[in-house]
Amino acid sequence: MWFECIHPFEDGNGRIGRAISEKALTQGRSKPVFTSLAGVLLHHRKDYYQQLELASRALDASKWLKWFADIVLDAQARSQKQVEFLLAKTRLFDGLRGQLNQRQEKVLLRIFAEGIVGFKGGLSAKNYMTITGAPTATTTRDLADLVKKSALIRQGERKATRYFLNLGRAEQRSNTQE
């Protein structure tokens, strides 16, 4: 907070401030800490600058520390979700090894590239055709096969049909293999 309030450099204060914060959070730890504080601060950018502004005007850092502690907890929770997401991705692909055609693999990788939130509103047949260049009949067959293999969950009917990753299926696969 004080580094950001002093703002010693013409450029790069935010990056350096986040690096200092991450370093301070890991000091004295015997194990590595996996927290994406910078990503959460970026997500809460407007509030972050507002809190810094308020803190720079006051001599009491209590409100800043409370706000920052909440942000750190959010960063830890988001980091945990990201790790779980990546593990689910690995489990899904391991469980489908040798069962996907190139189009299906390309689409699944594209959906995973969107991260935890996935495609906004889900994957449509039109999205599938755009990503793969496949004709309608092939798209219908490929999507039905991905649902049958429990890689995707189908929701809706006709033009409102959307497909979502079945990460729960990847978790089930892992539990049965252990």
N, C-alpha and C. Protein backbone atom coordinates (compact mmCIF):
# COMPACT_ATOMS: atom_id res chain seq x y z
N MET A 1 0.83 -1.18 0.00
CA MET A 1 0.00 0.00 0.00
C MET A 1 0.88 1.25 0.00
N TRP A 2 1.89 1.27 0.89
CA TRP A 2 2.71 2.48 0.96
C TRP A 2 3.50 2.68 -0.33
N PHE A 3 3.99 1.59 -0.91
CA PHE A 3 4.72 1.71 -2.17
C PHE A 3 3.83 2.32 -3.23
N GLU A 4 2.61 1.82 -3.33
CA GLU A 4 1.67 2.33 -4.34
C GLU A 4 1.32 3.81 -4.08
N CYS A 5 1.18 4.16 -2.81
CA CYS A 5 0.85 5.55 -2.48
C CYS A 5 2.00 6.50 -2.79
N ILE A 6 3.23 6.04 -2.55
CA ILE A 6 4.40 6.86 -2.84
C ILE A 6 4.57 7.03 -4.35
N HIS A 7 4.29 5.97 -5.09
CA HIS A 7 4.35 5.98 -6.55
C HIS A 7 5.71 6.51 -7.04
N PRO A 8 6.80 5.80 -6.71
CA PRO A 8 8.14 6.34 -6.97
C PRO A 8 8.59 6.37 -8.42
N PHE A 9 7.98 5.57 -9.27
CA PHE A 9 8.46 5.50 -10.66
C PHE A 9 7.43 6.07 -11.62
N GLU A 10 7.92 6.47 -12.77
CA GLU A 10 7.03 7.01 -13.79
C GLU A 10 6.12 5.92 -14.35
N ASP A 11 6.66 4.70 -14.47
CA ASP A 11 5.91 3.59 -15.03
C ASP A 11 6.26 2.31 -14.27
N GLY A 12 5.33 1.40 -14.18
CA GLY A 12 5.60 0.09 -13.60
C GLY A 12 5.31 -0.03 -12.12
N ASN A 13 4.77 1.00 -11.49
CA ASN A 13 4.50 0.95 -10.05
C ASN A 13 3.52 -0.16 -9.69
N GLY A 14 2.50 -0.33 -10.51
CA GLY A 14 1.49 -1.36 -10.23
C GLY A 14 2.08 -2.75 -10.27
N ARG A 15 2.87 -3.04 -11.31
CA ARG A 15 3.50 -4.36 -11.43
C ARG A 15 4.46 -4.61 -10.27
N ILE A 16 5.27 -3.61 -9.95
CA ILE A 16 6.22 -3.77 -8.85
C ILE A 16 5.47 -3.91 -7.52
N GLY A 17 4.41 -3.13 -7.35
CA GLY A 17 3.61 -3.22 -6.12
C GLY A 17 2.99 -4.60 -5.96
N ARG A 18 2.48 -5.17 -7.04
CA ARG A 18 1.90 -6.52 -6.96
C ARG A 18 2.99 -7.56 -6.68
N ALA A 19 4.16 -7.37 -7.26
CA ALA A 19 5.28 -8.29 -7.00
C ALA A 19 5.70 -8.21 -5.53
N ILE A 20 5.76 -7.00 -4.99
CA ILE A 20 6.09 -6.83 -3.57
C ILE A 20 5.04 -7.52 -2.70
N SER A 21 3.78 -7.36 -3.05
CA SER A 21 2.69 -8.00 -2.29
C SER A 21 2.83 -9.51 -2.32
N GLU A 22 3.07 -10.07 -3.50
CA GLU A 22 3.21 -11.53 -3.61
C GLU A 22 4.43 -12.01 -2.83
N LYS A 23 5.52 -11.26 -2.88
CA LYS A 23 6.72 -11.62 -2.13
C LYS A 23 6.44 -11.57 -0.63
N ALA A 24 5.76 -10.54 -0.17
CA ALA A 24 5.44 -10.41 1.26
C ALA A 24 4.56 -11.56 1.74
N LEU A 25 3.63 -12.00 0.89
CA LEU A 25 2.74 -13.10 1.26
C LEU A 25 3.46 -14.44 1.35
N THR A 26 4.58 -14.58 0.64
CA THR A 26 5.29 -15.86 0.64
C THR A 26 6.48 -15.90 1.59
N GLN A 27 6.87 -14.76 2.12
CA GLN A 27 8.01 -14.73 3.02
C GLN A 27 7.75 -15.58 4.25
N GLY A 28 8.76 -16.30 4.67
CA GLY A 28 8.65 -17.10 5.87
C GLY A 28 7.92 -18.42 5.68
N ARG A 29 7.50 -18.71 4.47
CA ARG A 29 6.80 -19.97 4.19
C ARG A 29 7.84 -21.02 3.81
N SER A 30 7.66 -22.23 4.31
CA SER A 30 8.59 -23.30 3.97
C SER A 30 8.20 -23.98 2.65
N LYS A 31 6.95 -23.80 2.24
CA LYS A 31 6.47 -24.39 1.00
C LYS A 31 6.07 -23.28 0.03
N PRO A 32 6.13 -23.56 -1.28
CA PRO A 32 5.71 -22.54 -2.25
C PRO A 32 4.23 -22.22 -2.08
N VAL A 33 3.90 -20.99 -2.36
CA VAL A 33 2.51 -20.53 -2.28
C VAL A 33 2.03 -20.28 -3.71
N PHE A 34 0.89 -20.86 -4.04
CA PHE A 34 0.33 -20.69 -5.38
C PHE A 34 -0.89 -19.79 -5.28
N THR A 35 -0.69 -18.50 -5.56
CA THR A 35 -1.77 -17.54 -5.49
C THR A 35 -1.60 -16.53 -6.61
N SER A 36 -2.64 -16.31 -7.36
CA SER A 36 -2.57 -15.34 -8.44
C SER A 36 -3.18 -14.02 -7.96
N LEU A 37 -2.45 -13.34 -7.12
CA LEU A 37 -2.91 -12.07 -6.58
C LEU A 37 -3.09 -11.03 -7.68
N ALA A 38 -2.14 -10.98 -8.61
CA ALA A 38 -2.21 -9.99 -9.69
C ALA A 38 -3.49 -10.14 -10.51
N GLY A 39 -3.89 -11.38 -10.80
CA GLY A 39 -5.10 -11.61 -11.57
C GLY A 39 -6.35 -11.14 -10.86
N VAL A 40 -6.41 -11.36 -9.55
CA VAL A 40 -7.58 -10.93 -8.78
C VAL A 40 -7.60 -9.41 -8.66
N LEU A 41 -6.43 -8.80 -8.46
CA LEU A 41 -6.38 -7.34 -8.39
C LEU A 41 -6.80 -6.73 -9.73
N LEU A 42 -6.41 -7.37 -10.81
CA LEU A 42 -6.83 -6.89 -12.13
C LEU A 42 -8.35 -6.99 -12.27
N HIS A 43 -8.90 -8.09 -11.78
CA HIS A 43 -10.35 -8.29 -11.82
C HIS A 43 -11.09 -7.23 -10.99
N HIS A 44 -10.48 -6.79 -9.90
CA HIS A 44 -11.08 -5.79 -9.01
C HIS A 44 -10.37 -4.44 -9.17
N ARG A 45 -9.91 -4.16 -10.36
CA ARG A 45 -9.08 -2.98 -10.61
C ARG A 45 -9.69 -1.68 -10.12
N LYS A 46 -10.95 -1.44 -10.44
CA LYS A 46 -11.59 -0.17 -10.05
C LYS A 46 -11.63 -0.04 -8.53
N ASP A 47 -12.04 -1.09 -7.85
CA ASP A 47 -12.08 -1.08 -6.39
C ASP A 47 -10.68 -0.95 -5.80
N TYR A 48 -9.70 -1.58 -6.43
CA TYR A 48 -8.31 -1.53 -5.99
C TYR A 48 -7.82 -0.08 -5.98
N TYR A 49 -8.04 0.64 -7.07
CA TYR A 49 -7.59 2.03 -7.14
C TYR A 49 -8.37 2.91 -6.15
N GLN A 50 -9.63 2.61 -5.98
CA GLN A 50 -10.43 3.37 -5.02
C GLN A 50 -9.91 3.14 -3.59
N GLN A 51 -9.60 1.90 -3.26
CA GLN A 51 -9.08 1.60 -1.93
C GLN A 51 -7.71 2.23 -1.71
N LEU A 52 -6.88 2.23 -2.75
CA LEU A 52 -5.57 2.89 -2.64
C LEU A 52 -5.74 4.39 -2.42
N GLU A 53 -6.67 4.97 -3.13
CA GLU A 53 -6.93 6.41 -2.99
C GLU A 53 -7.36 6.73 -1.56
N LEU A 54 -8.28 5.94 -1.03
CA LEU A 54 -8.75 6.15 0.35
C LEU A 54 -7.62 5.96 1.35
N ALA A 55 -6.80 4.94 1.13
CA ALA A 55 -5.69 4.65 2.05
C ALA A 55 -4.63 5.74 2.02
N SER A 56 -4.41 6.32 0.87
CA SER A 56 -3.38 7.36 0.76
C SER A 56 -3.79 8.65 1.47
N ARG A 57 -5.07 8.83 1.70
CA ARG A 57 -5.57 10.03 2.38
C ARG A 57 -5.62 9.86 3.90
N ALA A 58 -5.63 8.63 4.36
CA ALA A 58 -5.78 8.36 5.79
C ALA A 58 -4.45 7.89 6.38
N LEU A 59 -4.30 8.10 7.66
CA LEU A 59 -3.11 7.62 8.35
C LEU A 59 -3.33 6.21 8.89
N ASP A 60 -4.56 5.77 8.89
CA ASP A 60 -4.92 4.45 9.40
C ASP A 60 -5.04 3.48 8.23
N ALA A 61 -4.25 2.40 8.28
CA ALA A 61 -4.24 1.42 7.19
C ALA A 61 -5.20 0.26 7.46
N SER A 62 -6.00 0.33 8.52
CA SER A 62 -6.87 -0.79 8.90
C SER A 62 -7.85 -1.18 7.80
N LYS A 63 -8.50 -0.20 7.20
CA LYS A 63 -9.48 -0.50 6.15
C LYS A 63 -8.79 -1.14 4.95
N TRP A 64 -7.62 -0.60 4.59
CA TRP A 64 -6.87 -1.18 3.49
C TRP A 64 -6.50 -2.63 3.79
N LEU A 65 -6.00 -2.90 4.97
CA LEU A 65 -5.58 -4.25 5.34
C LEU A 65 -6.76 -5.22 5.31
N LYS A 66 -7.91 -4.78 5.77
CA LYS A 66 -9.11 -5.64 5.74
C LYS A 66 -9.48 -5.93 4.28
N TRP A 67 -9.52 -4.90 3.46
CA TRP A 67 -9.85 -5.09 2.05
C TRP A 67 -8.82 -6.01 1.38
N PHE A 68 -7.55 -5.76 1.63
CA PHE A 68 -6.49 -6.54 1.00
C PHE A 68 -6.53 -8.00 1.46
N ALA A 69 -6.82 -8.23 2.73
CA ALA A 69 -6.94 -9.61 3.23
C ALA A 69 -8.06 -10.34 2.50
N ASP A 70 -9.17 -9.67 2.28
CA ASP A 70 -10.27 -10.29 1.53
C ASP A 70 -9.84 -10.62 0.10
N ILE A 71 -9.06 -9.74 -0.50
CA ILE A 71 -8.56 -9.97 -1.86
C ILE A 71 -7.62 -11.18 -1.88
N VAL A 72 -6.76 -11.29 -0.88
CA VAL A 72 -5.84 -12.43 -0.80
C VAL A 72 -6.63 -13.74 -0.68
N LEU A 73 -7.66 -13.74 0.14
CA LEU A 73 -8.50 -14.95 0.28
C LEU A 73 -9.19 -15.28 -1.03
N ASP A 74 -9.66 -14.26 -1.75
CA ASP A 74 -10.27 -14.47 -3.06
C ASP A 74 -9.24 -15.05 -4.04
N ALA A 75 -8.03 -14.52 -3.99
CA ALA A 75 -6.96 -15.01 -4.88
C ALA A 75 -6.65 -16.48 -4.58
N GLN A 76 -6.62 -16.83 -3.31
CA GLN A 76 -6.35 -18.23 -2.95
C GLN A 76 -7.48 -19.14 -3.45
N ALA A 77 -8.71 -18.72 -3.28
CA ALA A 77 -9.85 -19.52 -3.74
C ALA A 77 -9.83 -19.66 -5.26
N ARG A 78 -9.54 -18.58 -5.97
CA ARG A 78 -9.48 -18.63 -7.43
C ARG A 78 -8.33 -19.52 -7.91
N SER A 79 -7.22 -19.45 -7.21
CA SER A 79 -6.07 -20.30 -7.57
C SER A 79 -6.42 -21.77 -7.38
N GLN A 80 -7.11 -22.07 -6.29
CA GLN A 80 -7.54 -23.45 -6.04
C GLN A 80 -8.47 -23.93 -7.15
N LYS A 81 -9.41 -23.09 -7.55
CA LYS A 81 -10.33 -23.45 -8.63
C LYS A 81 -9.58 -23.67 -9.94
N GLN A 82 -8.57 -22.85 -10.19
CA GLN A 82 -7.77 -22.99 -11.42
C GLN A 82 -7.03 -24.32 -11.43
N VAL A 83 -6.45 -24.68 -10.30
CA VAL A 83 -5.75 -25.97 -10.21
C VAL A 83 -6.73 -27.11 -10.43
N GLU A 84 -7.89 -27.04 -9.79
CA GLU A 84 -8.91 -28.08 -9.97
C GLU A 84 -9.36 -28.17 -11.43
N PHE A 85 -9.49 -27.02 -12.08
CA PHE A 85 -9.87 -26.96 -13.49
C PHE A 85 -8.82 -27.65 -14.37
N LEU A 86 -7.56 -27.36 -14.12
CA LEU A 86 -6.49 -27.96 -14.92
C LEU A 86 -6.39 -29.47 -14.68
N LEU A 87 -6.61 -29.90 -13.44
CA LEU A 87 -6.62 -31.33 -13.15
C LEU A 87 -7.80 -32.02 -13.85
N ALA A 88 -8.96 -31.37 -13.84
CA ALA A 88 -10.13 -31.93 -14.52
C ALA A 88 -9.89 -32.03 -16.03
N LYS A 89 -9.24 -31.02 -16.58
CA LYS A 89 -8.89 -31.03 -18.01
C LYS A 89 -8.00 -32.23 -18.32
N THR A 90 -6.99 -32.42 -17.49
CA THR A 90 -6.07 -33.55 -17.69
C THR A 90 -6.81 -34.87 -17.59
N ARG A 91 -7.67 -35.01 -16.58
CA ARG A 91 -8.42 -36.25 -16.40
C ARG A 91 -9.34 -36.52 -17.60
N LEU A 92 -9.99 -35.46 -18.07
CA LEU A 92 -10.89 -35.61 -19.21
C LEU A 92 -10.13 -36.11 -20.44
N PHE A 93 -9.03 -35.45 -20.75
CA PHE A 93 -8.25 -35.85 -21.92
C PHE A 93 -7.62 -37.23 -21.74
N ASP A 94 -7.17 -37.53 -20.53
CA ASP A 94 -6.62 -38.88 -20.28
C ASP A 94 -7.69 -39.95 -20.49
N GLY A 95 -8.90 -39.68 -20.02
CA GLY A 95 -9.99 -40.63 -20.17
C GLY A 95 -10.47 -40.81 -21.59
N LEU A 96 -10.21 -39.80 -22.44
CA LEU A 96 -10.65 -39.85 -23.84
C LEU A 96 -9.51 -40.12 -24.81
N ARG A 97 -8.34 -40.42 -24.29
CA ARG A 97 -7.17 -40.65 -25.14
C ARG A 97 -7.47 -41.72 -26.20
N GLY A 98 -7.22 -41.36 -27.45
CA GLY A 98 -7.43 -42.28 -28.56
C GLY A 98 -8.88 -42.40 -29.02
N GLN A 99 -9.81 -41.66 -28.40
CA GLN A 99 -11.23 -41.77 -28.75
C GLN A 99 -11.76 -40.56 -29.51
N LEU A 100 -10.96 -39.51 -29.62
CA LEU A 100 -11.42 -38.27 -30.26
C LEU A 100 -10.85 -38.12 -31.65
N ASN A 101 -11.66 -37.55 -32.54
CA ASN A 101 -11.10 -37.18 -33.84
C ASN A 101 -10.47 -35.79 -33.70
N GLN A 102 -9.78 -35.34 -34.73
CA GLN A 102 -9.06 -34.06 -34.66
C GLN A 102 -10.00 -32.88 -34.41
N ARG A 103 -11.18 -32.91 -35.01
CA ARG A 103 -12.14 -31.82 -34.82
C ARG A 103 -12.58 -31.75 -33.36
N GLN A 104 -12.92 -32.89 -32.80
CA GLN A 104 -13.39 -32.93 -31.42
C GLN A 104 -12.30 -32.44 -30.46
N GLU A 105 -11.09 -32.89 -30.68
CA GLU A 105 -9.98 -32.46 -29.83
C GLU A 105 -9.76 -30.96 -29.95
N LYS A 106 -9.83 -30.45 -31.17
CA LYS A 106 -9.63 -29.02 -31.40
C LYS A 106 -10.70 -28.20 -30.66
N VAL A 107 -11.94 -28.64 -30.70
CA VAL A 107 -13.03 -27.92 -30.04
C VAL A 107 -12.88 -27.98 -28.52
N LEU A 108 -12.56 -29.16 -28.00
CA LEU A 108 -12.38 -29.27 -26.55
C LEU A 108 -11.23 -28.37 -26.07
N LEU A 109 -10.14 -28.36 -26.81
CA LEU A 109 -9.03 -27.48 -26.45
C LEU A 109 -9.44 -26.02 -26.51
N ARG A 110 -10.24 -25.68 -27.51
CA ARG A 110 -10.72 -24.28 -27.64
C ARG A 110 -11.62 -23.90 -26.47
N ILE A 111 -12.49 -24.81 -26.04
CA ILE A 111 -13.36 -24.53 -24.89
C ILE A 111 -12.50 -24.37 -23.63
N PHE A 112 -11.55 -25.27 -23.45
CA PHE A 112 -10.67 -25.17 -22.27
C PHE A 112 -9.86 -23.88 -22.29
N ALA A 113 -9.52 -23.39 -23.47
CA ALA A 113 -8.76 -22.14 -23.57
C ALA A 113 -9.53 -20.96 -22.99
N GLU A 114 -10.85 -21.06 -22.93
CA GLU A 114 -11.67 -20.00 -22.35
C GLU A 114 -11.56 -19.97 -20.83
N GLY A 115 -10.96 -20.99 -20.26
CA GLY A 115 -10.76 -21.03 -18.81
C GLY A 115 -11.97 -21.58 -18.08
N ILE A 116 -11.99 -21.32 -16.80
CA ILE A 116 -13.01 -21.88 -15.92
C ILE A 116 -14.42 -21.50 -16.35
N VAL A 117 -14.62 -20.30 -16.83
CA VAL A 117 -15.96 -19.85 -17.21
C VAL A 117 -16.45 -20.47 -18.52
N GLY A 118 -15.52 -20.97 -19.34
CA GLY A 118 -15.92 -21.60 -20.60
C GLY A 118 -16.50 -20.59 -21.59
N PHE A 119 -17.15 -21.09 -22.61
CA PHE A 119 -17.82 -20.23 -23.59
C PHE A 119 -19.01 -19.56 -22.92
N LYS A 120 -19.13 -18.29 -23.08
CA LYS A 120 -20.28 -17.59 -22.53
C LYS A 120 -21.53 -18.10 -23.24
N GLY A 121 -22.44 -18.66 -22.46
CA GLY A 121 -23.66 -19.20 -23.05
C GLY A 121 -23.51 -20.61 -23.60
N GLY A 122 -22.32 -21.18 -23.51
CA GLY A 122 -22.11 -22.55 -23.98
C GLY A 122 -21.71 -22.61 -25.44
N LEU A 123 -21.29 -23.80 -25.85
CA LEU A 123 -20.89 -24.05 -27.23
C LEU A 123 -22.12 -24.37 -28.06
N SER A 124 -22.26 -23.73 -29.19
CA SER A 124 -23.36 -24.03 -30.11
C SER A 124 -22.82 -24.84 -31.28
N ALA A 125 -23.72 -25.42 -32.05
CA ALA A 125 -23.31 -26.14 -33.26
C ALA A 125 -22.62 -25.17 -34.22
N LYS A 126 -23.11 -23.94 -34.27
CA LYS A 126 -22.50 -22.94 -35.15
C LYS A 126 -21.06 -22.65 -34.72
N ASN A 127 -20.83 -22.55 -33.38
CA ASN A 127 -19.46 -22.36 -32.88
C ASN A 127 -18.57 -23.52 -33.33
N TYR A 128 -19.11 -24.73 -33.21
CA TYR A 128 -18.37 -25.93 -33.58
C TYR A 128 -17.96 -25.87 -35.05
N MET A 129 -18.91 -25.50 -35.90
CA MET A 129 -18.63 -25.40 -37.34
C MET A 129 -17.60 -24.32 -37.63
N THR A 130 -17.67 -23.21 -36.93
CA THR A 130 -16.71 -22.12 -37.13
C THR A 130 -15.30 -22.57 -36.72
N ILE A 131 -15.19 -23.24 -35.60
CA ILE A 131 -13.89 -23.68 -35.10
C ILE A 131 -13.27 -24.75 -35.98
N THR A 132 -14.10 -25.69 -36.44
CA THR A 132 -13.57 -26.86 -37.16
C THR A 132 -13.71 -26.79 -38.67
N GLY A 133 -14.65 -25.99 -39.16
CA GLY A 133 -14.92 -25.96 -40.60
C GLY A 133 -15.74 -27.16 -41.06
N ALA A 134 -16.31 -27.89 -40.11
CA ALA A 134 -17.08 -29.10 -40.43
C ALA A 134 -18.47 -28.72 -40.94
N PRO A 135 -19.04 -29.55 -41.83
CA PRO A 135 -20.41 -29.32 -42.28
C PRO A 135 -21.41 -29.69 -41.17
N THR A 136 -22.66 -29.34 -41.37
CA THR A 136 -23.70 -29.54 -40.37
C THR A 136 -23.83 -30.99 -39.92
N ALA A 137 -23.88 -31.92 -40.85
CA ALA A 137 -24.07 -33.33 -40.49
C ALA A 137 -22.90 -33.85 -39.64
N THR A 138 -21.69 -33.48 -40.00
CA THR A 138 -20.51 -33.90 -39.24
C THR A 138 -20.53 -33.27 -37.85
N THR A 139 -20.91 -32.02 -37.78
CA THR A 139 -21.00 -31.32 -36.50
C THR A 139 -21.99 -32.02 -35.58
N THR A 140 -23.16 -32.33 -36.10
CA THR A 140 -24.19 -33.02 -35.31
C THR A 140 -23.66 -34.36 -34.80
N ARG A 141 -23.01 -35.10 -35.66
CA ARG A 141 -22.45 -36.41 -35.28
C ARG A 141 -21.35 -36.27 -34.22
N ASP A 142 -20.44 -35.32 -34.45
CA ASP A 142 -19.33 -35.12 -33.50
C ASP A 142 -19.83 -34.69 -32.13
N LEU A 143 -20.78 -33.76 -32.10
CA LEU A 143 -21.31 -33.29 -30.82
C LEU A 143 -22.06 -34.39 -30.08
N ALA A 144 -22.85 -35.17 -30.82
CA ALA A 144 -23.57 -36.29 -30.20
C ALA A 144 -22.58 -37.30 -29.62
N ASP A 145 -21.49 -37.51 -30.32
CA ASP A 145 -20.46 -38.44 -29.85
C ASP A 145 -19.78 -37.91 -28.58
N LEU A 146 -19.51 -36.62 -28.52
CA LEU A 146 -18.90 -36.02 -27.33
C LEU A 146 -19.84 -36.11 -26.13
N VAL A 147 -21.13 -35.98 -26.38
CA VAL A 147 -22.12 -36.15 -25.30
C VAL A 147 -22.15 -37.61 -24.87
N LYS A 148 -22.16 -38.51 -25.82
CA LYS A 148 -22.18 -39.95 -25.52
C LYS A 148 -20.95 -40.35 -24.71
N LYS A 149 -19.82 -39.75 -25.01
CA LYS A 149 -18.57 -40.05 -24.30
C LYS A 149 -18.46 -39.28 -22.98
N SER A 150 -19.50 -38.52 -22.66
CA SER A 150 -19.57 -37.73 -21.42
C SER A 150 -18.51 -36.63 -21.34
N ALA A 151 -18.03 -36.16 -22.48
CA ALA A 151 -17.10 -35.04 -22.49
C ALA A 151 -17.86 -33.73 -22.40
N LEU A 152 -19.06 -33.71 -22.99
CA LEU A 152 -19.91 -32.52 -22.98
C LEU A 152 -21.28 -32.87 -22.40
N ILE A 153 -21.92 -31.85 -21.86
CA ILE A 153 -23.30 -31.96 -21.40
C ILE A 153 -24.14 -31.11 -22.33
N ARG A 154 -25.24 -31.68 -22.81
CA ARG A 154 -26.12 -30.99 -23.74
C ARG A 154 -27.27 -30.36 -22.97
N GLN A 155 -27.56 -29.09 -23.30
CA GLN A 155 -28.70 -28.40 -22.70
C GLN A 155 -29.48 -27.69 -23.80
N GLY A 156 -30.79 -27.70 -23.68
CA GLY A 156 -31.63 -26.99 -24.64
C GLY A 156 -32.01 -27.86 -25.82
N GLU A 157 -32.81 -27.27 -26.70
CA GLU A 157 -33.31 -27.97 -27.88
C GLU A 157 -33.14 -27.10 -29.12
N ARG A 158 -33.09 -27.74 -30.25
CA ARG A 158 -33.00 -27.11 -31.57
C ARG A 158 -31.90 -26.04 -31.63
N LYS A 159 -32.26 -24.83 -32.05
CA LYS A 159 -31.26 -23.76 -32.18
C LYS A 159 -30.76 -23.25 -30.84
N ALA A 160 -31.49 -23.55 -29.77
CA ALA A 160 -31.08 -23.11 -28.43
C ALA A 160 -30.18 -24.16 -27.75
N THR A 161 -29.82 -25.22 -28.45
CA THR A 161 -28.97 -26.26 -27.86
C THR A 161 -27.58 -25.72 -27.63
N ARG A 162 -27.09 -25.95 -26.41
CA ARG A 162 -25.74 -25.53 -26.04
C ARG A 162 -25.04 -26.69 -25.36
N TYR A 163 -23.73 -26.70 -25.45
CA TYR A 163 -22.91 -27.77 -24.89
C TYR A 163 -21.91 -27.17 -23.91
N PHE A 164 -21.74 -27.87 -22.78
CA PHE A 164 -20.85 -27.43 -21.73
C PHE A 164 -19.91 -28.58 -21.35
N LEU A 165 -18.70 -28.24 -20.94
CA LEU A 165 -17.76 -29.26 -20.50
C LEU A 165 -18.32 -30.04 -19.33
N ASN A 166 -18.11 -31.33 -19.34
CA ASN A 166 -18.56 -32.19 -18.24
C ASN A 166 -17.36 -32.49 -17.35
N LEU A 167 -16.96 -31.51 -16.57
CA LEU A 167 -15.79 -31.68 -15.71
C LEU A 167 -16.09 -32.61 -14.55
N GLY A 168 -17.35 -32.75 -14.18
CA GLY A 168 -17.73 -33.72 -13.15
C GLY A 168 -17.43 -35.13 -13.60
N ARG A 169 -17.60 -35.40 -14.87
CA ARG A 169 -17.30 -36.73 -15.43
C ARG A 169 -15.81 -37.01 -15.32
N ALA A 170 -15.00 -35.97 -15.53
CA ALA A 170 -13.54 -36.15 -15.39
C ALA A 170 -13.20 -36.49 -13.95
N GLU A 171 -13.89 -35.88 -13.01
CA GLU A 171 -13.66 -36.15 -11.58
C GLU A 171 -14.09 -37.58 -11.26
N GLN A 172 -15.23 -38.01 -11.80
CA GLN A 172 -15.71 -39.38 -11.55
C GLN A 172 -14.70 -40.39 -12.10
N ARG A 173 -14.16 -40.10 -13.29
CA ARG A 173 -13.16 -41.00 -13.90
C ARG A 173 -11.97 -41.16 -12.98
N SER A 174 -11.52 -40.05 -12.39
CA SER A 174 -10.36 -40.08 -11.51
C SER A 174 -10.64 -40.90 -10.25
N ASN A 175 -11.81 -40.73 -9.67
CA ASN A 175 -12.17 -41.44 -8.45
C ASN A 175 -12.27 -42.95 -8.68
N THR A 176 -12.73 -43.38 -9.84
CA THR A 176 -12.86 -44.81 -10.11
C THR A 176 -11.51 -45.44 -10.41
N GLN A 177 -10.53 -44.63 -10.85
CA GLN A 177 -9.21 -45.16 -11.17
C GLN A 177 -8.34 -45.30 -9.92
N GLU A 178 -8.69 -44.59 -8.84
CA GLU A 178 -7.86 -44.59 -7.62
C GLU A 178 -8.07 -45.83 -6.79
